[in-house]
């Protein structure tokens, strides 16, 4: 079975971007996952637990997961390709 890297990356990017967005919004009001999001602020430049940070988290999360999962699917396809195909 061959994976479609663009679709695989987009699906994961949407999920991770939305997770970052929603977790940030929830944390603004409740403090939930504050330590996790503080760690993410060290990974994603400019990200913070704020309204603007939720949008940056959405963008960074999408790009981060898209690139990682695109590469994963591409590598998977290369490693599972049959000789002579």
Protein backbone atom coordinates (compact mmCIF):
# COMPACT_ATOMS: atom_id res chain seq x y z
CA UNK A 1 0.00 0.00 0.00
CA UNK A 2 1.32 3.41 -0.97
CA UNK A 3 0.65 6.46 1.17
CA UNK A 4 -0.12 9.86 -0.36
CA UNK A 5 2.37 12.18 1.37
CA UNK A 6 0.42 15.40 0.68
CA UNK A 7 -2.83 14.04 2.10
CA UNK A 8 -1.11 12.30 5.01
CA UNK A 9 0.73 15.51 5.90
CA UNK A 10 -2.38 17.67 5.52
CA UNK A 11 -4.49 15.40 7.72
CA UNK A 12 -1.90 15.37 10.50
CA UNK A 13 -1.25 19.09 10.10
CA UNK A 14 -4.92 19.94 10.50
CA UNK A 15 -5.22 17.77 13.60
CA UNK A 16 -2.06 19.09 15.30
CA UNK A 17 -2.76 22.71 14.34
CA UNK A 18 -6.26 22.50 15.81
CA UNK A 19 -4.92 20.80 18.94
CA UNK A 20 -2.47 23.65 19.48
CA UNK A 21 -5.18 26.24 18.82
CA UNK A 22 -7.79 24.68 21.11
CA UNK A 23 -5.34 23.86 23.90
CA UNK A 24 -4.10 27.46 23.87
CA UNK A 25 -7.65 28.86 24.02
CA UNK A 26 -8.56 26.50 26.87
CA UNK A 27 -5.34 27.40 28.70
CA UNK A 28 -6.07 31.14 28.48
CA UNK A 29 -9.24 30.63 30.52
CA UNK A 30 -8.34 27.68 32.75
CA UNK A 31 -4.55 27.33 32.90
CA UNK A 32 -4.88 23.77 31.51
CA UNK A 33 -1.66 22.38 29.96
CA UNK A 34 0.31 25.49 30.89
CA UNK A 35 3.60 23.60 31.28
CA UNK A 36 3.17 21.83 27.94
CA UNK A 37 2.42 25.10 26.16
CA UNK A 38 5.38 26.77 27.86
CA UNK A 39 7.55 24.04 26.38
CA UNK A 40 6.00 24.64 22.95
CA UNK A 41 6.84 28.34 23.24
CA UNK A 42 10.49 27.29 23.33
CA UNK A 43 10.02 25.34 20.09
CA UNK A 44 7.77 27.70 18.12
CA UNK A 45 9.29 31.23 17.93
CA UNK A 46 6.83 33.95 18.95
CA UNK A 47 4.27 31.52 20.33
CA UNK A 48 2.68 32.36 23.68
CA UNK A 49 -0.46 31.53 25.63
CA UNK A 50 -2.58 34.34 24.17
CA UNK A 51 -5.11 35.00 21.45
CA UNK A 52 -2.35 35.80 18.96
CA UNK A 53 -0.39 32.79 20.22
CA UNK A 54 -3.35 30.50 19.48
CA UNK A 55 -3.22 31.57 15.83
CA UNK A 56 0.55 31.13 15.71
CA UNK A 57 0.14 27.70 17.33
CA UNK A 58 -2.38 26.78 14.64
CA UNK A 59 0.03 27.80 11.87
CA UNK A 60 3.15 26.32 13.45
CA UNK A 61 1.31 23.14 14.41
CA UNK A 62 0.04 22.66 10.88
CA UNK A 63 3.45 23.26 9.29
CA UNK A 64 5.30 21.14 11.85
CA UNK A 65 3.03 18.11 11.45
CA UNK A 66 2.64 18.53 7.69
CA UNK A 67 6.38 18.48 7.08
CA UNK A 68 7.04 15.63 9.50
CA UNK A 69 4.23 13.41 8.24
CA UNK A 70 4.93 14.24 4.59
CA UNK A 71 8.50 13.04 5.09
CA UNK A 72 7.32 9.97 7.01
CA UNK A 73 4.91 8.95 4.21
CA UNK A 74 7.52 9.66 1.51
CA UNK A 75 10.14 7.57 3.31
CA UNK A 76 7.62 4.78 3.95
CA UNK A 77 6.80 4.67 0.23
CA UNK A 78 10.51 4.55 -0.67
CA UNK A 79 11.21 1.72 1.78
CA UNK A 80 8.22 -0.40 0.75
CA UNK A 81 8.62 0.02 -3.00
CA UNK A 82 9.18 -3.33 -4.69
CA UNK A 83 12.19 -3.88 -6.93
CA UNK A 84 11.27 -3.60 -10.58
CA UNK A 85 8.07 -1.61 -9.87
